[in-house]
Amino acid sequence: MKVMTTPGSHLRKPLEQTTWQEIELGGVLREPGSAREYRVGDWRSQHPVWTKSRCIRCGVCWTVCPEPAIVEEPGGYFDMDPYYCKGCGTCARECVTGCITMVPEEE
């Protein structure tokens, strides 16, 4: 017999008697801003490098980044935050001037 723990309760009941409303949702952020607690930068195998002479400071890279990994520097240029960049390459693919290249991480 499979047993299900009801959310918010320590009671257990057979899975067959559990309704869909009692099943805990997956992939839910229970607290806003909690992504900052997880430093996903350790996952990457590559990272972005900006050629500032080609950068027009448009911010497209900052807009499309799926993590809080791109930060604006003084002067309006952008760079990656090594704690949060996963190395996905979205910034490089979407850069309108091609000033961002992905380079392998050094061991």
PDB file of N, CA and C in Angstrom:
ATOM      1  N   MET A   1       0.839  -1.178   0.000  1.00  0.00           N
ATOM      2  CA  MET A   1       0.000   0.000   0.000  1.00  0.00           C
ATOM      3  C   MET A   1       0.888   1.246   0.000  1.00  0.00           C
ATOM      4  N   LYS A   2       0.671   2.163  -0.933  1.00  0.00           N
ATOM      5  CA  LYS A   2       1.399   3.424  -0.975  1.00  0.00           C
ATOM      6  C   LYS A   2       0.731   4.396  -0.017  1.00  0.00           C
ATOM      7  N   VAL A   3       1.559   5.177   0.681  1.00  0.00           N
ATOM      8  CA  VAL A   3       1.036   6.114   1.670  1.00  0.00           C
ATOM      9  C   VAL A   3       1.436   7.524   1.266  1.00  0.00           C
ATOM     10  N   MET A   4       0.518   8.468   1.434  1.00  0.00           N
ATOM     11  CA  MET A   4       0.727   9.873   1.078  1.00  0.00           C
ATOM     12  C   MET A   4       0.650  10.717   2.332  1.00  0.00           C
ATOM     13  N   THR A   5       1.625  11.618   2.524  1.00  0.00           N
ATOM     14  CA  THR A   5       1.556  12.569   3.625  1.00  0.00           C
ATOM     15  C   THR A   5       0.817  13.796   3.125  1.00  0.00           C
ATOM     16  N   THR A   6      -0.237  14.178   3.810  1.00  0.00           N
ATOM     17  CA  THR A   6      -1.024  15.341   3.424  1.00  0.00           C
ATOM     18  C   THR A   6      -0.253  16.606   3.750  1.00  0.00           C
ATOM     19  N   PRO A   7      -0.136  17.580   2.796  1.00  0.00           N
ATOM     20  CA  PRO A   7       0.598  18.822   3.062  1.00  0.00           C
ATOM     21  C   PRO A   7       0.058  19.535   4.298  1.00  0.00           C
ATOM     22  N   GLY A   8       0.974  20.037   5.117  1.00  0.00           N
ATOM     23  CA  GLY A   8       0.577  20.769   6.309  1.00  0.00           C
ATOM     24  C   GLY A   8       0.102  19.869   7.429  1.00  0.00           C
ATOM     25  N   SER A   9       0.295  18.590   7.274  1.00  0.00           N
ATOM     26  CA  SER A   9      -0.179  17.643   8.280  1.00  0.00           C
ATOM     27  C   SER A   9       0.837  16.527   8.437  1.00  0.00           C
ATOM     28  N   HIS A  10       0.822  15.911   9.589  1.00  0.00           N
ATOM     29  CA  HIS A  10       1.678  14.760   9.814  1.00  0.00           C
ATOM     30  C   HIS A  10       0.887  13.474   9.649  1.00  0.00           C
ATOM     31  N   LEU A  11      -0.363  13.594   9.214  1.00  0.00           N
ATOM     32  CA  LEU A  11      -1.203  12.426   9.022  1.00  0.00           C
ATOM     33  C   LEU A  11      -0.866  11.757   7.702  1.00  0.00           C
ATOM     34  N   ARG A  12      -0.888  10.454   7.706  1.00  0.00           N
ATOM     35  CA  ARG A  12      -0.647   9.698   6.493  1.00  0.00           C
ATOM     36  C   ARG A  12      -1.914   8.947   6.137  1.00  0.00           C
ATOM     37  N   LYS A  13      -2.171   8.868   4.852  1.00  0.00           N
ATOM     38  CA  LYS A  13      -3.308   8.081   4.410  1.00  0.00           C
ATOM     39  C   LYS A  13      -2.943   7.379   3.118  1.00  0.00           C
ATOM     40  N   PRO A  14      -3.625   6.302   2.787  1.00  0.00           N
ATOM     41  CA  PRO A  14      -3.300   5.570   1.565  1.00  0.00           C
ATOM     42  C   PRO A  14      -3.422   6.472   0.336  1.00  0.00           C
ATOM     43  N   LEU A  15      -2.500   6.294  -0.619  1.00  0.00           N
ATOM     44  CA  LEU A  15      -2.491   7.098  -1.834  1.00  0.00           C
ATOM     45  C   LEU A  15      -3.815   7.020  -2.576  1.00  0.00           C
ATOM     46  N   GLU A  16      -4.449   5.876  -2.546  1.00  0.00           N
ATOM     47  CA  GLU A  16      -5.731   5.702  -3.235  1.00  0.00           C
ATOM     48  C   GLU A  16      -6.826   6.583  -2.634  1.00  0.00           C
ATOM     49  N   GLN A  17      -6.669   7.006  -1.396  1.00  0.00           N
ATOM     50  CA  GLN A  17      -7.666   7.846  -0.729  1.00  0.00           C
ATOM     51  C   GLN A  17      -7.285   9.326  -0.767  1.00  0.00           C
ATOM     52  N   THR A  18      -6.173   9.648  -1.405  1.00  0.00           N
ATOM     53  CA  THR A  18      -5.690  11.021  -1.485  1.00  0.00           C
ATOM     54  C   THR A  18      -6.271  11.691  -2.721  1.00  0.00           C
ATOM     55  N   THR A  19      -6.835  12.880  -2.558  1.00  0.00           N
ATOM     56  CA  THR A  19      -7.387  13.615  -3.697  1.00  0.00           C
ATOM     57  C   THR A  19      -6.286  14.452  -4.343  1.00  0.00           C
ATOM     58  N   TRP A  20      -6.533  14.892  -5.567  1.00  0.00           N
ATOM     59  CA  TRP A  20      -5.528  15.683  -6.261  1.00  0.00           C
ATOM     60  C   TRP A  20      -5.277  17.015  -5.561  1.00  0.00           C
ATOM     61  N   GLN A  21      -6.285  17.540  -4.833  1.00  0.00           N
ATOM     62  CA  GLN A  21      -6.113  18.808  -4.132  1.00  0.00           C
ATOM     63  C   GLN A  21      -5.137  18.683  -2.959  1.00  0.00           C
ATOM     64  N   GLU A  22      -4.925  17.466  -2.464  1.00  0.00           N
ATOM     65  CA  GLU A  22      -4.050  17.258  -1.318  1.00  0.00           C
ATOM     66  C   GLU A  22      -2.594  17.005  -1.707  1.00  0.00           C
ATOM     67  N   ILE A  23      -2.345  16.818  -2.997  1.00  0.00           N
ATOM     68  CA  ILE A  23      -0.984  16.532  -3.447  1.00  0.00           C
ATOM     69  C   ILE A  23      -0.193  17.827  -3.519  1.00  0.00           C
ATOM     70  N   GLU A  24       0.991  17.813  -2.947  1.00  0.00           N
ATOM     71  CA  GLU A  24       1.875  18.989  -2.939  1.00  0.00           C
ATOM     72  C   GLU A  24       2.298  19.330  -4.364  1.00  0.00           C
ATOM     73  N   LEU A  25       2.250  20.608  -4.721  1.00  0.00           N
ATOM     74  CA  LEU A  25       2.693  21.049  -6.033  1.00  0.00           C
ATOM     75  C   LEU A  25       4.209  20.976  -6.122  1.00  0.00           C
ATOM     76  N   GLY A  26       4.718  20.631  -7.288  1.00  0.00           N
ATOM     77  CA  GLY A  26       6.158  20.602  -7.508  1.00  0.00           C
ATOM     78  C   GLY A  26       6.608  21.863  -8.197  1.00  0.00           C
ATOM     79  N   GLY A  27       7.860  22.232  -8.018  1.00  0.00           N
ATOM     80  CA  GLY A  27       8.430  23.385  -8.714  1.00  0.00           C
ATOM     81  C   GLY A  27       7.843  24.711  -8.296  1.00  0.00           C
ATOM     82  N   VAL A  28       7.410  24.835  -7.059  1.00  0.00           N
ATOM     83  CA  VAL A  28       6.791  26.065  -6.597  1.00  0.00           C
ATOM     84  C   VAL A  28       7.768  26.824  -5.707  1.00  0.00           C
ATOM     85  N   LEU A  29       7.977  28.099  -6.009  1.00  0.00           N
ATOM     86  CA  LEU A  29       8.769  28.951  -5.131  1.00  0.00           C
ATOM     87  C   LEU A  29       7.841  29.469  -4.048  1.00  0.00           C
ATOM     88  N   ARG A  30       8.089  29.081  -2.839  1.00  0.00           N
ATOM     89  CA  ARG A  30       7.222  29.467  -1.729  1.00  0.00           C
ATOM     90  C   ARG A  30       7.557  30.849  -1.189  1.00  0.00           C
ATOM     91  N   GLU A  31       8.708  31.367  -1.562  1.00  0.00           N
ATOM     92  CA  GLU A  31       9.156  32.632  -1.022  1.00  0.00           C
ATOM     93  C   GLU A  31       9.745  33.464  -2.157  1.00  0.00           C
ATOM     94  N   PRO A  32       9.252  34.667  -2.414  1.00  0.00           N
ATOM     95  CA  PRO A  32       9.815  35.476  -3.489  1.00  0.00           C
ATOM     96  C   PRO A  32      11.277  35.818  -3.237  1.00  0.00           C
ATOM     97  N   GLY A  33      12.042  35.808  -4.301  1.00  0.00           N
ATOM     98  CA  GLY A  33      13.452  36.157  -4.202  1.00  0.00           C
ATOM     99  C   GLY A  33      14.342  35.049  -3.693  1.00  0.00           C
ATOM    100  N   SER A  34      13.819  33.848  -3.555  1.00  0.00           N
ATOM    101  CA  SER A  34      14.618  32.773  -2.978  1.00  0.00           C
ATOM    102  C   SER A  34      15.683  32.246  -3.930  1.00  0.00           C
ATOM    103  N   ALA A  35      15.613  32.577  -5.213  1.00  0.00           N
ATOM    104  CA  ALA A  35      16.625  32.113  -6.163  1.00  0.00           C
ATOM    105  C   ALA A  35      18.005  32.671  -5.812  1.00  0.00           C
ATOM    106  N   ARG A  36      18.062  33.797  -5.155  1.00  0.00           N
ATOM    107  CA  ARG A  36      19.331  34.389  -4.743  1.00  0.00           C
ATOM    108  C   ARG A  36      20.083  33.521  -3.733  1.00  0.00           C
ATOM    109  N   GLU A  37      19.362  32.609  -3.065  1.00  0.00           N
ATOM    110  CA  GLU A  37      19.992  31.746  -2.069  1.00  0.00           C
ATOM    111  C   GLU A  37      20.828  30.643  -2.698  1.00  0.00           C
ATOM    112  N   TYR A  38      20.594  30.355  -3.972  1.00  0.00           N
ATOM    113  CA  TYR A  38      21.256  29.237  -4.634  1.00  0.00           C
ATOM    114  C   TYR A  38      22.272  29.755  -5.636  1.00  0.00           C
ATOM    115  N   ARG A  39      23.515  29.475  -5.411  1.00  0.00           N
ATOM    116  CA  ARG A  39      24.581  29.929  -6.311  1.00  0.00           C
ATOM    117  C   ARG A  39      24.781  28.866  -7.380  1.00  0.00           C
ATOM    118  N   VAL A  40      24.141  29.080  -8.523  1.00  0.00           N
ATOM    119  CA  VAL A  40      24.159  28.085  -9.594  1.00  0.00           C
ATOM    120  C   VAL A  40      25.393  28.202 -10.484  1.00  0.00           C
ATOM    121  N   GLY A  41      26.265  29.140 -10.219  1.00  0.00           N
ATOM    122  CA  GLY A  41      27.460  29.332 -11.030  1.00  0.00           C
ATOM    123  C   GLY A  41      28.418  28.156 -11.020  1.00  0.00           C
ATOM    124  N   ASP A  42      28.319  27.309 -10.018  1.00  0.00           N
ATOM    125  CA  ASP A  42      29.188  26.135  -9.960  1.00  0.00           C
ATOM    126  C   ASP A  42      28.840  25.096 -11.018  1.00  0.00           C
ATOM    127  N   TRP A  43      27.668  25.209 -11.634  1.00  0.00           N
ATOM    128  CA  TRP A  43      27.205  24.236 -12.623  1.00  0.00           C
ATOM    129  C   TRP A  43      27.859  24.420 -13.984  1.00  0.00           C
ATOM    130  N   ARG A  44      28.306  25.596 -14.300  1.00  0.00           N
ATOM    131  CA  ARG A  44      28.640  25.912 -15.687  1.00  0.00           C
ATOM    132  C   ARG A  44      29.945  25.274 -16.155  1.00  0.00           C
ATOM    133  N   SER A  45      30.006  25.074 -17.471  1.00  0.00           N
ATOM    134  CA  SER A  45      31.226  24.592 -18.114  1.00  0.00           C
ATOM    135  C   SER A  45      31.802  25.668 -19.028  1.00  0.00           C
ATOM    136  N   GLN A  46      31.041  26.758 -19.211  1.00  0.00           N
ATOM    137  CA  GLN A  46      31.490  27.888 -20.020  1.00  0.00           C
ATOM    138  C   GLN A  46      30.903  29.161 -19.419  1.00  0.00           C
ATOM    139  N   HIS A  47      31.479  30.303 -19.778  1.00  0.00           N
ATOM    140  CA  HIS A  47      30.953  31.574 -19.282  1.00  0.00           C
ATOM    141  C   HIS A  47      31.093  32.649 -20.361  1.00  0.00           C
ATOM    142  N   PRO A  48      30.270  33.708 -20.259  1.00  0.00           N
ATOM    143  CA  PRO A  48      30.312  34.777 -21.261  1.00  0.00           C
ATOM    144  C   PRO A  48      31.453  35.759 -21.008  1.00  0.00           C
ATOM    145  N   VAL A  49      32.004  36.268 -22.112  1.00  0.00           N
ATOM    146  CA  VAL A  49      33.015  37.320 -22.055  1.00  0.00           C
ATOM    147  C   VAL A  49      32.570  38.413 -23.025  1.00  0.00           C
ATOM    148  N   TRP A  50      32.555  39.655 -22.560  1.00  0.00           N
ATOM    149  CA  TRP A  50      32.131  40.793 -23.372  1.00  0.00           C
ATOM    150  C   TRP A  50      33.328  41.461 -24.025  1.00  0.00           C
ATOM    151  N   THR A  51      33.176  41.810 -25.310  1.00  0.00           N
ATOM    152  CA  THR A  51      34.147  42.665 -26.000  1.00  0.00           C
ATOM    153  C   THR A  51      33.546  44.064 -25.930  1.00  0.00           C
ATOM    154  N   LYS A  52      34.014  44.836 -24.975  1.00  0.00           N
ATOM    155  CA  LYS A  52      33.359  46.112 -24.682  1.00  0.00           C
ATOM    156  C   LYS A  52      33.424  47.109 -25.832  1.00  0.00           C
ATOM    157  N   SER A  53      34.415  46.983 -26.695  1.00  0.00           N
ATOM    158  CA  SER A  53      34.503  47.907 -27.831  1.00  0.00           C
ATOM    159  C   SER A  53      33.361  47.684 -28.826  1.00  0.00           C
ATOM    160  N   ARG A  54      32.724  46.516 -28.790  1.00  0.00           N
ATOM    161  CA  ARG A  54      31.597  46.228 -29.684  1.00  0.00           C
ATOM    162  C   ARG A  54      30.243  46.386 -28.987  1.00  0.00           C
ATOM    163  N   CYS A  55      30.262  46.548 -27.668  1.00  0.00           N
ATOM    164  CA  CYS A  55      29.030  46.630 -26.883  1.00  0.00           C
ATOM    165  C   CYS A  55      28.380  48.007 -27.052  1.00  0.00           C
ATOM    166  N   ILE A  56      27.076  48.024 -27.323  1.00  0.00           N
ATOM    167  CA  ILE A  56      26.350  49.294 -27.456  1.00  0.00           C
ATOM    168  C   ILE A  56      25.534  49.603 -26.195  1.00  0.00           C
ATOM    169  N   ARG A  57      25.713  48.815 -25.154  1.00  0.00           N
ATOM    170  CA  ARG A  57      25.061  49.012 -23.860  1.00  0.00           C
ATOM    171  C   ARG A  57      23.535  49.017 -23.955  1.00  0.00           C
ATOM    172  N   CYS A  58      22.998  48.125 -24.789  1.00  0.00           N
ATOM    173  CA  CYS A  58      21.546  48.073 -24.999  1.00  0.00           C
ATOM    174  C   CYS A  58      20.812  47.321 -23.890  1.00  0.00           C
ATOM    175  N   GLY A  59      21.502  46.410 -23.207  1.00  0.00           N
ATOM    176  CA  GLY A  59      20.873  45.668 -22.113  1.00  0.00           C
ATOM    177  C   GLY A  59      20.084  44.446 -22.522  1.00  0.00           C
ATOM    178  N   VAL A  60      20.151  44.053 -23.789  1.00  0.00           N
ATOM    179  CA  VAL A  60      19.434  42.849 -24.220  1.00  0.00           C
ATOM    180  C   VAL A  60      19.926  41.637 -23.429  1.00  0.00           C
ATOM    181  N   CYS A  61      21.223  41.535 -23.206  1.00  0.00           N
ATOM    182  CA  CYS A  61      21.787  40.412 -22.449  1.00  0.00           C
ATOM    183  C   CYS A  61      21.182  40.346 -21.048  1.00  0.00           C
ATOM    184  N   TRP A  62      21.057  41.478 -20.409  1.00  0.00           N
ATOM    185  CA  TRP A  62      20.483  41.554 -19.065  1.00  0.00           C
ATOM    186  C   TRP A  62      19.021  41.137 -19.081  1.00  0.00           C
ATOM    187  N   THR A  63      18.305  41.531 -20.138  1.00  0.00           N
ATOM    188  CA  THR A  63      16.879  41.235 -20.250  1.00  0.00           C
ATOM    189  C   THR A  63      16.612  39.752 -20.459  1.00  0.00           C
ATOM    190  N   VAL A  64      17.423  39.084 -21.264  1.00  0.00           N
ATOM    191  CA  VAL A  64      17.145  37.684 -21.615  1.00  0.00           C
ATOM    192  C   VAL A  64      17.763  36.669 -20.660  1.00  0.00           C
ATOM    193  N   CYS A  65      18.611  37.085 -19.768  1.00  0.00           N
ATOM    194  CA  CYS A  65      19.263  36.156 -18.844  1.00  0.00           C
ATOM    195  C   CYS A  65      18.219  35.513 -17.929  1.00  0.00           C
ATOM    196  N   PRO A  66      18.178  34.159 -17.870  1.00  0.00           N
ATOM    197  CA  PRO A  66      17.178  33.501 -17.032  1.00  0.00           C
ATOM    198  C   PRO A  66      17.504  33.509 -15.538  1.00  0.00           C
ATOM    199  N   GLU A  67      18.662  33.977 -15.170  1.00  0.00           N
ATOM    200  CA  GLU A  67      19.083  34.056 -13.766  1.00  0.00           C
ATOM    201  C   GLU A  67      19.454  35.501 -13.467  1.00  0.00           C
ATOM    202  N   PRO A  68      19.646  35.847 -12.195  1.00  0.00           N
ATOM    203  CA  PRO A  68      20.121  37.205 -11.890  1.00  0.00           C
ATOM    204  C   PRO A  68      21.638  37.267 -12.073  1.00  0.00           C
ATOM    205  N   ALA A  69      22.110  36.878 -13.267  1.00  0.00           N
ATOM    206  CA  ALA A  69      23.540  36.664 -13.472  1.00  0.00           C
ATOM    207  C   ALA A  69      24.249  37.778 -14.226  1.00  0.00           C
ATOM    208  N   ILE A  70      23.524  38.690 -14.806  1.00  0.00           N
ATOM    209  CA  ILE A  70      24.173  39.786 -15.536  1.00  0.00           C
ATOM    210  C   ILE A  70      23.933  41.076 -14.765  1.00  0.00           C
ATOM    211  N   VAL A  71      25.014  41.764 -14.509  1.00  0.00           N
ATOM    212  CA  VAL A  71      24.948  42.994 -13.727  1.00  0.00           C
ATOM    213  C   VAL A  71      25.467  44.165 -14.563  1.00  0.00           C
ATOM    214  N   GLU A  72      24.884  45.316 -14.303  1.00  0.00           N
ATOM    215  CA  GLU A  72      25.330  46.523 -15.003  1.00  0.00           C
ATOM    216  C   GLU A  72      26.477  47.139 -14.211  1.00  0.00           C
ATOM    217  N   GLU A  73      27.535  47.446 -14.926  1.00  0.00           N
ATOM    218  CA  GLU A  73      28.707  48.071 -14.310  1.00  0.00           C
ATOM    219  C   GLU A  73      28.610  49.580 -14.445  1.00  0.00           C
ATOM    220  N   PRO A  74      29.425  50.319 -13.703  1.00  0.00           N
ATOM    221  CA  PRO A  74      29.478  51.766 -13.914  1.00  0.00           C
ATOM    222  C   PRO A  74      29.841  52.046 -15.374  1.00  0.00           C
ATOM    223  N   GLY A  75      29.194  52.992 -15.972  1.00  0.00           N
ATOM    224  CA  GLY A  75      29.435  53.301 -17.377  1.00  0.00           C
ATOM    225  C   GLY A  75      28.433  52.624 -18.296  1.00  0.00           C
ATOM    226  N   GLY A  76      27.559  51.798 -17.745  1.00  0.00           N
ATOM    227  CA  GLY A  76      26.503  51.192 -18.554  1.00  0.00           C
ATOM    228  C   GLY A  76      26.843  49.880 -19.224  1.00  0.00           C
ATOM    229  N   TYR A  77      28.060  49.394 -19.053  1.00  0.00           N
ATOM    230  CA  TYR A  77      28.417  48.093 -19.624  1.00  0.00           C
ATOM    231  C   TYR A  77      27.921  46.977 -18.708  1.00  0.00           C
ATOM    232  N   PHE A  78      27.909  45.758 -19.235  1.00  0.00           N
ATOM    233  CA  PHE A  78      27.402  44.625 -18.480  1.00  0.00           C
ATOM    234  C   PHE A  78      28.489  43.570 -18.316  1.00  0.00           C
ATOM    235  N   ASP A  79      28.341  42.772 -17.279  1.00  0.00           N
ATOM    236  CA  ASP A  79      29.252  41.667 -17.030  1.00  0.00           C
ATOM    237  C   ASP A  79      28.476  40.601 -16.268  1.00  0.00           C
ATOM    238  N   MET A  80      29.073  39.414 -16.142  1.00  0.00           N
ATOM    239  CA  MET A  80      28.383  38.338 -15.446  1.00  0.00           C
ATOM    240  C   MET A  80      28.726  38.326 -13.969  1.00  0.00           C
ATOM    241  N   ASP A  81      27.787  37.858 -13.182  1.00  0.00           N
ATOM    242  CA  ASP A  81      28.017  37.603 -11.768  1.00  0.00           C
ATOM    243  C   ASP A  81      28.382  36.121 -11.677  1.00  0.00           C
ATOM    244  N   PRO A  82      29.619  35.795 -11.304  1.00  0.00           N
ATOM    245  CA  PRO A  82      30.068  34.400 -11.337  1.00  0.00           C
ATOM    246  C   PRO A  82      29.297  33.471 -10.409  1.00  0.00           C
ATOM    247  N   TYR A  83      28.631  34.010  -9.404  1.00  0.00           N
ATOM    248  CA  TYR A  83      27.863  33.161  -8.500  1.00  0.00           C
ATOM    249  C   TYR A  83      26.572  32.647  -9.151  1.00  0.00           C
ATOM    250  N   TYR A  84      26.042  33.369 -10.135  1.00  0.00           N
ATOM    251  CA  TYR A  84      24.731  33.024 -10.676  1.00  0.00           C
ATOM    252  C   TYR A  84      24.708  32.635 -12.146  1.00  0.00           C
ATOM    253  N   CYS A  85      25.781  32.863 -12.881  1.00  0.00           N
ATOM    254  CA  CYS A  85      25.812  32.498 -14.305  1.00  0.00           C
ATOM    255  C   CYS A  85      25.930  30.979 -14.439  1.00  0.00           C
ATOM    256  N   LYS A  86      24.965  30.380 -15.152  1.00  0.00           N
ATOM    257  CA  LYS A  86      24.966  28.929 -15.381  1.00  0.00           C
ATOM    258  C   LYS A  86      25.706  28.559 -16.651  1.00  0.00           C
ATOM    259  N   GLY A  87      26.053  29.542 -17.466  1.00  0.00           N
ATOM    260  CA  GLY A  87      26.749  29.265 -18.717  1.00  0.00           C
ATOM    261  C   GLY A  87      25.827  28.790 -19.818  1.00  0.00           C
ATOM    262  N   CYS A  88      24.568  29.188 -19.775  1.00  0.00           N
ATOM    263  CA  CYS A  88      23.583  28.710 -20.764  1.00  0.00           C
ATOM    264  C   CYS A  88      23.820  29.292 -22.149  1.00  0.00           C
ATOM    265  N   GLY A  89      24.430  30.491 -22.234  1.00  0.00           N
ATOM    266  CA  GLY A  89      24.731  31.097 -23.527  1.00  0.00           C
ATOM    267  C   GLY A  89      23.615  31.914 -24.140  1.00  0.00           C
ATOM    268  N   THR A  90      22.513  32.080 -23.433  1.00  0.00           N
ATOM    269  CA  THR A  90      21.394  32.866 -23.978  1.00  0.00           C
ATOM    270  C   THR A  90      21.834  34.296 -24.270  1.00  0.00           C
ATOM    271  N   CYS A  91      22.618  34.874 -23.405  1.00  0.00           N
ATOM    272  CA  CYS A  91      23.081  36.252 -23.619  1.00  0.00           C
ATOM    273  C   CYS A  91      23.886  36.366 -24.910  1.00  0.00           C
ATOM    274  N   ALA A  92      24.765  35.410 -25.155  1.00  0.00           N
ATOM    275  CA  ALA A  92      25.598  35.439 -26.367  1.00  0.00           C
ATOM    276  C   ALA A  92      24.757  35.231 -27.630  1.00  0.00           C
ATOM    277  N   ARG A  93      23.789  34.336 -27.559  1.00  0.00           N
ATOM    278  CA  ARG A  93      22.927  34.084 -28.731  1.00  0.00           C
ATOM    279  C   ARG A  93      22.068  35.285 -29.081  1.00  0.00           C
ATOM    280  N   GLU A  94      21.618  36.031 -28.081  1.00  0.00           N
ATOM    281  CA  GLU A  94      20.701  37.145 -28.302  1.00  0.00           C
ATOM    282  C   GLU A  94      21.379  38.500 -28.456  1.00  0.00           C
ATOM    283  N   CYS A  95      22.674  38.573 -28.229  1.00  0.00           N
ATOM    284  CA  CYS A  95      23.392  39.843 -28.331  1.00  0.00           C
ATOM    285  C   CYS A  95      23.299  40.380 -29.756  1.00  0.00           C
ATOM    286  N   VAL A  96      22.809  41.601 -29.898  1.00  0.00           N
ATOM    287  CA  VAL A  96      22.579  42.174 -31.233  1.00  0.00           C
ATOM    288  C   VAL A  96      23.865  42.551 -31.961  1.00  0.00           C
ATOM    289  N   THR A  97      24.953  42.777 -31.233  1.00  0.00           N
ATOM    290  CA  THR A  97      26.214  43.144 -31.883  1.00  0.00           C
ATOM    291  C   THR A  97      27.211  41.994 -31.918  1.00  0.00           C
ATOM    292  N   GLY A  98      26.893  40.899 -31.237  1.00  0.00           N
ATOM    293  CA  GLY A  98      27.813  39.768 -31.206  1.00  0.00           C
ATOM    294  C   GLY A  98      29.038  40.017 -30.333  1.00  0.00           C
ATOM    295  N   CYS A  99      28.909  40.909 -29.363  1.00  0.00           N
ATOM    296  CA  CYS A  99      30.066  41.229 -28.529  1.00  0.00           C
ATOM    297  C   CYS A  99      30.283  40.241 -27.384  1.00  0.00           C
ATOM    298  N   ILE A 100      29.356  39.284 -27.216  1.00  0.00           N
ATOM    299  CA  ILE A 100      29.487  38.307 -26.140  1.00  0.00           C
ATOM    300  C   ILE A 100      29.874  36.962 -26.751  1.00  0.00           C
ATOM    301  N   THR A 101      30.940  36.379 -26.233  1.00  0.00           N
ATOM    302  CA  THR A 101      31.340  35.031 -26.660  1.00  0.00           C
ATOM    303  C   THR A 101      31.400  34.140 -25.437  1.00  0.00           C
ATOM    304  N   MET A 102      31.101  32.871 -25.637  1.00  0.00           N
ATOM    305  CA  MET A 102      31.154  31.898 -24.557  1.00  0.00           C
ATOM    306  C   MET A 102      32.517  31.210 -24.610  1.00  0.00           C
ATOM    307  N   VAL A 103      33.195  31.198 -23.474  1.00  0.00           N
ATOM    308  CA  VAL A 103      34.508  30.564 -23.389  1.00  0.00           C
ATOM    309  C   VAL A 103      34.469  29.456 -22.333  1.00  0.00           C
ATOM    310  N   PRO A 104      35.234  28.378 -22.538  1.00  0.00           N
ATOM    311  CA  PRO A 104      35.222  27.284 -21.558  1.00  0.00           C
ATOM    312  C   PRO A 104      35.753  27.721 -20.200  1.00  0.00           C
ATOM    313  N   GLU A 105      35.182  27.147 -19.154  1.00  0.00           N
ATOM    314  CA  GLU A 105      35.674  27.378 -17.804  1.00  0.00           C
ATOM    315  C   GLU A 105      37.041  26.724 -17.660  1.00  0.00           C
ATOM    316  N   GLU A 106      37.909  27.344 -16.917  1.00  0.00           N
ATOM    317  CA  GLU A 106      39.208  26.741 -16.636  1.00  0.00           C
ATOM    318  C   GLU A 106      39.094  25.940 -15.363  1.00  0.00           C
ATOM    319  N   GLU A 107      39.712  24.777 -15.356  1.00  0.00           N
ATOM    320  CA  GLU A 107      39.646  23.903 -14.180  1.00  0.00           C
ATOM    321  C   GLU A 107      40.488  24.456 -13.057  1.00  0.00           C
TER     322      GLU A 107
END
